[in-house]
Amino acid sequence: MCVQRLLTVPLIGIPRLQSSEASPVSSDSSRDD
């Protein structure tokens, strides 16, 4: 189960980082997380 979480976190984080680069507003919400 731990392995699945480790894989899920980066999978969700990668698209978030890409979208934050496109819009600076996204980067602000990711910082809150």
N, C-alpha and C. Protein backbone atom coordinates (compact mmCIF):
# COMPACT_ATOMS: atom_id res chain seq x y z
N MET A 1 0.85 -1.20 0.00
CA MET A 1 0.00 0.00 0.00
C MET A 1 0.89 1.25 0.00
N CYS A 2 1.95 1.18 0.76
CA CYS A 2 2.85 2.35 0.81
C CYS A 2 3.40 2.67 -0.59
N VAL A 3 3.71 1.60 -1.33
CA VAL A 3 4.25 1.81 -2.68
C VAL A 3 3.24 2.53 -3.55
N GLN A 4 1.97 2.13 -3.46
CA GLN A 4 0.94 2.78 -4.28
C GLN A 4 0.88 4.27 -3.95
N ARG A 5 0.97 4.61 -2.69
CA ARG A 5 0.90 6.03 -2.30
C ARG A 5 2.09 6.78 -2.87
N LEU A 6 3.27 6.19 -2.79
CA LEU A 6 4.47 6.86 -3.32
C LEU A 6 4.32 7.10 -4.82
N LEU A 7 3.70 6.15 -5.52
CA LEU A 7 3.51 6.32 -6.97
C LEU A 7 2.41 7.33 -7.25
N THR A 8 1.38 7.34 -6.42
CA THR A 8 0.25 8.24 -6.67
C THR A 8 0.64 9.69 -6.42
N VAL A 9 1.44 9.94 -5.40
CA VAL A 9 1.81 11.33 -5.07
C VAL A 9 2.53 11.99 -6.24
N PRO A 10 3.61 11.41 -6.79
CA PRO A 10 4.31 12.03 -7.92
C PRO A 10 3.43 12.14 -9.15
N LEU A 11 2.57 11.15 -9.39
CA LEU A 11 1.70 11.21 -10.57
C LEU A 11 0.79 12.43 -10.48
N ILE A 12 0.29 12.73 -9.29
CA ILE A 12 -0.60 13.89 -9.13
C ILE A 12 0.24 15.17 -9.09
N GLY A 13 1.41 15.09 -8.52
CA GLY A 13 2.26 16.27 -8.38
C GLY A 13 2.84 16.74 -9.71
N ILE A 14 3.19 15.80 -10.60
CA ILE A 14 3.79 16.19 -11.89
C ILE A 14 2.84 17.09 -12.68
N PRO A 15 1.59 16.68 -12.94
CA PRO A 15 0.67 17.53 -13.69
C PRO A 15 0.41 18.85 -12.97
N ARG A 16 0.43 18.84 -11.66
CA ARG A 16 0.21 20.08 -10.91
C ARG A 16 1.35 21.05 -11.16
N LEU A 17 2.58 20.55 -11.17
CA LEU A 17 3.72 21.43 -11.41
C LEU A 17 3.64 22.01 -12.82
N GLN A 18 3.26 21.19 -13.80
CA GLN A 18 3.17 21.67 -15.18
C GLN A 18 2.11 22.75 -15.28
N SER A 19 0.96 22.54 -14.66
CA SER A 19 -0.14 23.51 -14.78
C SER A 19 0.22 24.77 -14.00
N SER A 20 1.00 24.64 -12.93
CA SER A 20 1.39 25.83 -12.16
C SER A 20 2.33 26.69 -13.00
N GLU A 21 3.15 26.06 -13.84
CA GLU A 21 4.05 26.83 -14.71
C GLU A 21 3.23 27.63 -15.72
N ALA A 22 2.14 27.05 -16.19
CA ALA A 22 1.30 27.72 -17.18
C ALA A 22 0.58 28.91 -16.53
N SER A 23 0.04 28.71 -15.32
CA SER A 23 -0.66 29.82 -14.66
C SER A 23 -0.08 30.03 -13.26
N PRO A 24 0.43 31.21 -12.98
CA PRO A 24 1.03 31.50 -11.67
C PRO A 24 0.02 31.35 -10.53
N VAL A 25 -1.27 31.52 -10.82
CA VAL A 25 -2.29 31.39 -9.78
C VAL A 25 -2.27 29.97 -9.21
N SER A 26 -2.04 28.99 -10.07
CA SER A 26 -2.02 27.59 -9.62
C SER A 26 -0.89 27.38 -8.62
N SER A 27 0.23 28.02 -8.86
CA SER A 27 1.38 27.82 -7.97
C SER A 27 1.03 28.29 -6.56
N ASP A 28 0.21 29.31 -6.44
CA ASP A 28 -0.19 29.79 -5.11
C ASP A 28 -1.00 28.73 -4.38
N SER A 29 -1.93 28.08 -5.07
CA SER A 29 -2.76 27.07 -4.39
C SER A 29 -1.92 25.85 -4.05
N SER A 30 -0.94 25.50 -4.89
CA SER A 30 -0.11 24.33 -4.59
C SER A 30 0.72 24.62 -3.34
N ARG A 31 1.11 25.87 -3.12
CA ARG A 31 1.88 26.20 -1.92
C ARG A 31 1.03 25.98 -0.67
N ASP A 32 -0.26 26.28 -0.77
CA ASP A 32 -1.14 26.06 0.39
C ASP A 32 -1.17 24.58 0.75
N ASP A 33 -1.14 23.72 -0.27
CA ASP A 33 -1.17 22.28 0.00
C ASP A 33 0.11 21.88 0.73
